[in-house]
Protein backbone atom coordinates (compact mmCIF):
# COMPACT_ATOMS: atom_id res chain seq x y z
CA MET A 1 100.62 96.14 171.65
CA HIS A 2 97.38 97.18 173.38
CA ALA A 3 95.29 96.00 170.41
CA VAL A 4 97.26 92.73 170.17
CA ILE A 5 96.73 91.87 173.83
CA LYS A 6 93.02 92.69 173.60
CA ILE A 7 92.60 90.30 170.67
CA LEU A 8 94.65 87.55 172.33
CA LYS A 9 92.58 87.70 175.50
CA LYS A 10 89.50 86.86 173.42
CA GLU A 11 91.23 84.22 171.30
CA ILE A 12 92.60 82.14 174.20
CA LEU A 13 89.12 81.55 175.60
CA ALA A 14 88.78 78.80 172.99
CA TRP A 15 92.05 77.09 174.00
CA VAL A 16 93.17 74.96 176.91
CA VAL A 17 95.07 76.84 179.62
CA PRO A 18 98.75 75.75 179.80
CA VAL A 19 99.23 73.23 182.61
CA VAL A 20 101.29 75.47 184.90
CA GLY A 21 98.41 77.95 184.93
CA HIS A 22 96.24 75.32 186.63
CA TYR A 23 98.24 75.88 189.83
CA LYS A 24 97.94 79.65 189.96
CA ASP A 25 98.41 81.13 193.44
CA ASP A 26 100.22 78.00 194.73
CA PRO A 27 103.95 78.88 194.44
CA PHE A 28 105.13 75.36 195.28
CA LYS A 29 102.98 73.63 192.68
CA VAL A 30 103.86 76.27 190.08
CA LEU A 31 107.55 75.68 190.81
CA ILE A 32 107.38 71.89 190.60
CA SER A 33 105.08 71.73 187.56
CA CYS A 34 107.28 74.22 185.73
CA LEU A 35 110.37 72.12 186.46
CA LEU A 36 108.55 69.08 185.08
CA SER A 37 107.51 71.01 181.97
CA LEU A 38 111.06 71.70 180.81
CA ARG A 39 111.72 69.79 177.56
CA THR A 40 108.31 68.13 177.91
CA GLN A 41 105.01 68.48 176.06
CA ASP A 42 102.18 70.11 177.98
CA LYS A 43 99.95 67.04 177.93
CA THR A 44 102.68 64.90 179.47
CA THR A 45 103.47 67.56 182.07
CA ALA A 46 99.81 67.83 183.07
CA ALA A 47 99.49 64.09 183.68
CA ALA A 48 102.81 63.85 185.54
CA SER A 49 102.02 66.86 187.75
CA ALA A 50 98.61 65.43 188.62
CA ARG A 51 100.12 62.04 189.59
CA LEU A 52 102.82 63.65 191.71
CA PHE A 53 100.50 66.06 193.53
CA VAL A 54 98.21 63.19 194.52
CA LEU A 55 101.19 61.89 196.50
CA ALA A 56 102.47 65.19 197.89
CA GLN A 57 101.40 68.82 197.77
CA THR A 58 103.91 70.56 200.03
CA PRO A 59 107.70 70.51 200.47
CA GLU A 60 107.23 68.57 203.73
CA GLN A 61 105.13 65.89 202.06
CA MET A 62 107.34 65.75 198.97
CA ASN A 63 110.41 65.26 201.11
CA GLN A 64 108.91 62.05 202.48
CA LEU A 65 108.84 60.45 199.03
CA SER A 66 111.73 58.39 197.74
CA VAL A 67 113.43 59.32 194.49
CA LYS A 68 112.13 56.10 192.95
CA ILE A 69 108.53 56.95 193.81
CA ILE A 70 108.95 60.42 192.30
CA GLU A 71 110.53 58.90 189.19
CA LYS A 72 107.57 56.56 188.75
CA ALA A 73 105.07 59.38 189.26
CA ILE A 74 106.61 61.82 186.78
CA TYR A 75 107.68 59.39 184.04
CA PRO A 76 107.84 60.02 181.04
CA VAL A 77 108.66 63.73 181.37
CA GLY A 78 111.96 64.74 179.81
CA PHE A 79 115.01 64.00 182.00
CA TYR A 80 112.71 62.46 184.61
CA ILE A 81 115.57 60.81 186.50
CA THR A 82 117.41 64.11 186.94
CA LYS A 83 114.19 65.90 187.89
CA ALA A 84 113.25 63.21 190.41
CA ARG A 85 116.56 63.78 192.19
CA ARG A 86 116.34 67.55 191.98
CA ILE A 87 112.86 67.91 193.47
CA PRO A 88 113.87 66.55 196.93
CA GLN A 89 116.98 68.78 196.86
CA ILE A 90 114.82 71.85 196.30
CA CYS A 91 112.32 70.76 198.97
CA GLN A 92 115.10 70.30 201.51
CA ILE A 93 116.43 73.80 200.79
CA LEU A 94 112.93 75.25 201.15
CA LEU A 95 112.53 73.50 204.50
CA ASP A 96 116.00 74.35 205.80
CA GLN A 97 116.26 77.95 204.65
CA TYR A 98 112.75 79.29 203.97
CA HIS A 99 110.47 77.55 206.51
CA GLY A 100 108.96 75.43 203.73
CA LYS A 101 107.88 78.45 201.71
CA VAL A 102 108.81 79.21 198.10
CA PRO A 103 110.73 82.54 197.93
CA ASP A 104 109.18 85.51 196.14
CA ASP A 105 112.48 87.07 195.08
CA LEU A 106 113.95 86.46 191.62
CA ASP A 107 117.59 86.11 192.66
CA THR A 108 116.72 83.75 195.50
CA LEU A 109 114.66 81.57 193.19
CA LEU A 110 117.49 81.47 190.65
CA ALA A 111 119.79 80.08 193.35
CA LEU A 112 117.63 76.94 193.66
CA PRO A 113 118.98 73.87 191.79
CA GLY A 114 117.70 73.66 188.22
CA VAL A 115 115.71 76.89 188.38
CA GLY A 116 116.30 79.22 185.44
CA ARG A 117 114.82 82.58 184.56
CA LYS A 118 111.72 81.12 182.91
CA THR A 119 110.80 79.08 185.99
CA ALA A 120 111.69 81.84 188.44
CA ASN A 121 109.61 84.44 186.61
CA LEU A 122 106.67 82.06 186.37
CA VAL A 123 106.77 81.40 190.11
CA LEU A 124 106.77 85.15 190.72
CA THR A 125 103.90 85.95 188.36
CA LEU A 126 101.64 82.92 188.78
CA GLY A 127 102.55 81.80 192.27
CA HIS A 128 103.09 85.12 194.06
CA ASP A 129 101.26 87.57 191.78
CA LYS A 130 104.40 89.70 191.56
CA MET A 131 105.97 91.47 188.61
CA GLY A 132 107.98 89.41 186.17
CA ILE A 133 108.16 88.42 182.53
CA CYS A 134 108.33 84.70 181.84
CA VAL A 135 109.91 83.99 178.46
CA ASP A 136 109.75 80.48 177.04
CA VAL A 137 110.27 79.32 173.45
CA HIS A 138 106.80 80.50 172.42
CA VAL A 139 107.24 84.00 173.84
CA HIS A 140 110.71 84.29 172.33
CA ARG A 141 109.64 83.04 168.90
CA ILE A 142 106.41 84.99 168.58
CA SER A 143 107.77 88.28 169.92
CA ASN A 144 110.48 88.08 167.26
CA ARG A 145 108.09 86.85 164.56
CA TRP A 146 105.89 89.89 165.14
CA GLY A 147 108.97 92.12 164.91
CA TYR A 148 108.25 93.47 168.39
CA VAL A 149 111.78 92.57 169.50
CA LYS A 150 114.90 91.46 167.67
CA THR A 151 116.76 89.01 169.89
CA LYS A 152 118.63 85.73 169.65
CA THR A 153 117.84 84.03 172.97
CA PRO A 154 114.92 83.86 175.43
CA GLU A 155 117.02 85.68 178.03
CA GLU A 156 117.69 88.54 175.59
CA THR A 157 113.97 88.61 174.83
CA GLU A 158 113.10 88.93 178.52
CA PHE A 159 115.34 91.96 178.97
CA ALA A 160 114.12 93.52 175.71
CA LEU A 161 110.50 93.09 176.84
CA ARG A 162 111.29 94.60 180.23
CA LYS A 163 112.29 97.76 178.39
CA LYS A 164 109.45 97.80 175.86
CA LEU A 165 106.37 95.91 177.03
CA PRO A 166 103.93 97.96 179.17
CA LYS A 167 104.15 96.71 182.76
CA LYS A 168 100.45 95.97 182.98
CA TYR A 169 101.01 93.09 180.54
CA TRP A 170 104.09 91.57 182.17
CA LYS A 171 102.28 88.99 184.29
CA THR A 172 99.94 87.71 181.58
CA TYR A 173 102.15 87.94 178.48
CA ASN A 174 103.49 84.40 178.84
CA ASP A 175 100.06 82.82 179.34
CA LEU A 176 98.69 84.55 176.25
CA LEU A 177 101.59 83.71 173.96
CA VAL A 178 102.01 80.12 175.09
CA ALA A 179 98.37 79.35 174.31
CA PHE A 180 98.66 81.27 171.03
CA GLY A 181 101.87 79.46 170.10
CA GLN A 182 100.59 76.01 170.95
CA ASN A 183 97.36 76.37 169.00
CA LEU A 184 97.82 78.84 166.14
CA CYS A 185 101.24 80.45 165.80
CA LYS A 186 103.12 77.16 165.40
CA PRO A 187 106.92 77.08 165.09
CA ILE A 188 106.67 75.60 161.59
CA SER A 189 103.90 76.44 159.14
CA PRO A 190 101.76 78.66 161.42
CA PHE A 191 98.04 79.11 160.70
CA CYS A 192 98.36 82.64 159.33
CA SER A 193 95.13 82.32 157.32
CA ARG A 194 93.19 81.89 160.59
CA CYS A 195 95.07 84.48 162.61
CA SER A 196 93.46 87.72 163.77
CA LEU A 197 96.86 89.36 164.29
CA THR A 198 98.30 89.27 160.77
CA ARG A 199 98.07 93.05 160.40
CA PHE A 200 100.35 93.43 163.42
CA CYS A 201 102.81 90.71 162.39
CA LEU A 202 105.91 91.18 160.22
CA GLN A 203 106.15 87.38 159.89
CA VAL A 204 109.89 87.48 160.51
CA GLY A 205 111.46 84.13 159.66
CA VAL A 206 108.19 82.56 158.52
CA GLY A 207 108.61 80.25 155.55
CA SER A 208 105.63 78.04 154.83
CA ARG A 209 102.32 78.93 156.36
CA ARG A 210 98.76 77.66 156.38
């Protein structure tokens, strides 16, 4: 895995950083942008996050916006109506229970409405610079495609990686694999002919390739 990570760190320099990474070290913006990103393409998430953060950048400011204004700002992200209602709920909890701060504890984050393990881990790693392994569809797919883990769900992949992946890579693993998965290691017909990692990859489940 050491050689793989070294190669990936060089490869991603040519690719656009995933949108959530733009808000590194700001736990609130990481949390909100990650919620917007669920079931939504990165380009759409980036535009929606930018529009929303022009209007509000803190839980206090966000709580002053109406649901309709949030809906208009984040449209057309997936499930935008549900997300527009959930954002004020989360902000109110942050204000009432955590003095307007985003918690830095996994279990506490998971108790927030609509926050799953992917989002919670991303807030920990990107927002708070704490240990965690964020597993999205790219991380799950590629880790299994390489043959590094053998799991059926992203949650299973997270726990498998916690046992196997060296801790020094936990925080950055998601960033590397998301960029890799979006640009080269596609879900269908990946660009294997252009990949520098083929010697490390068992190509599990790969049918057609380019």
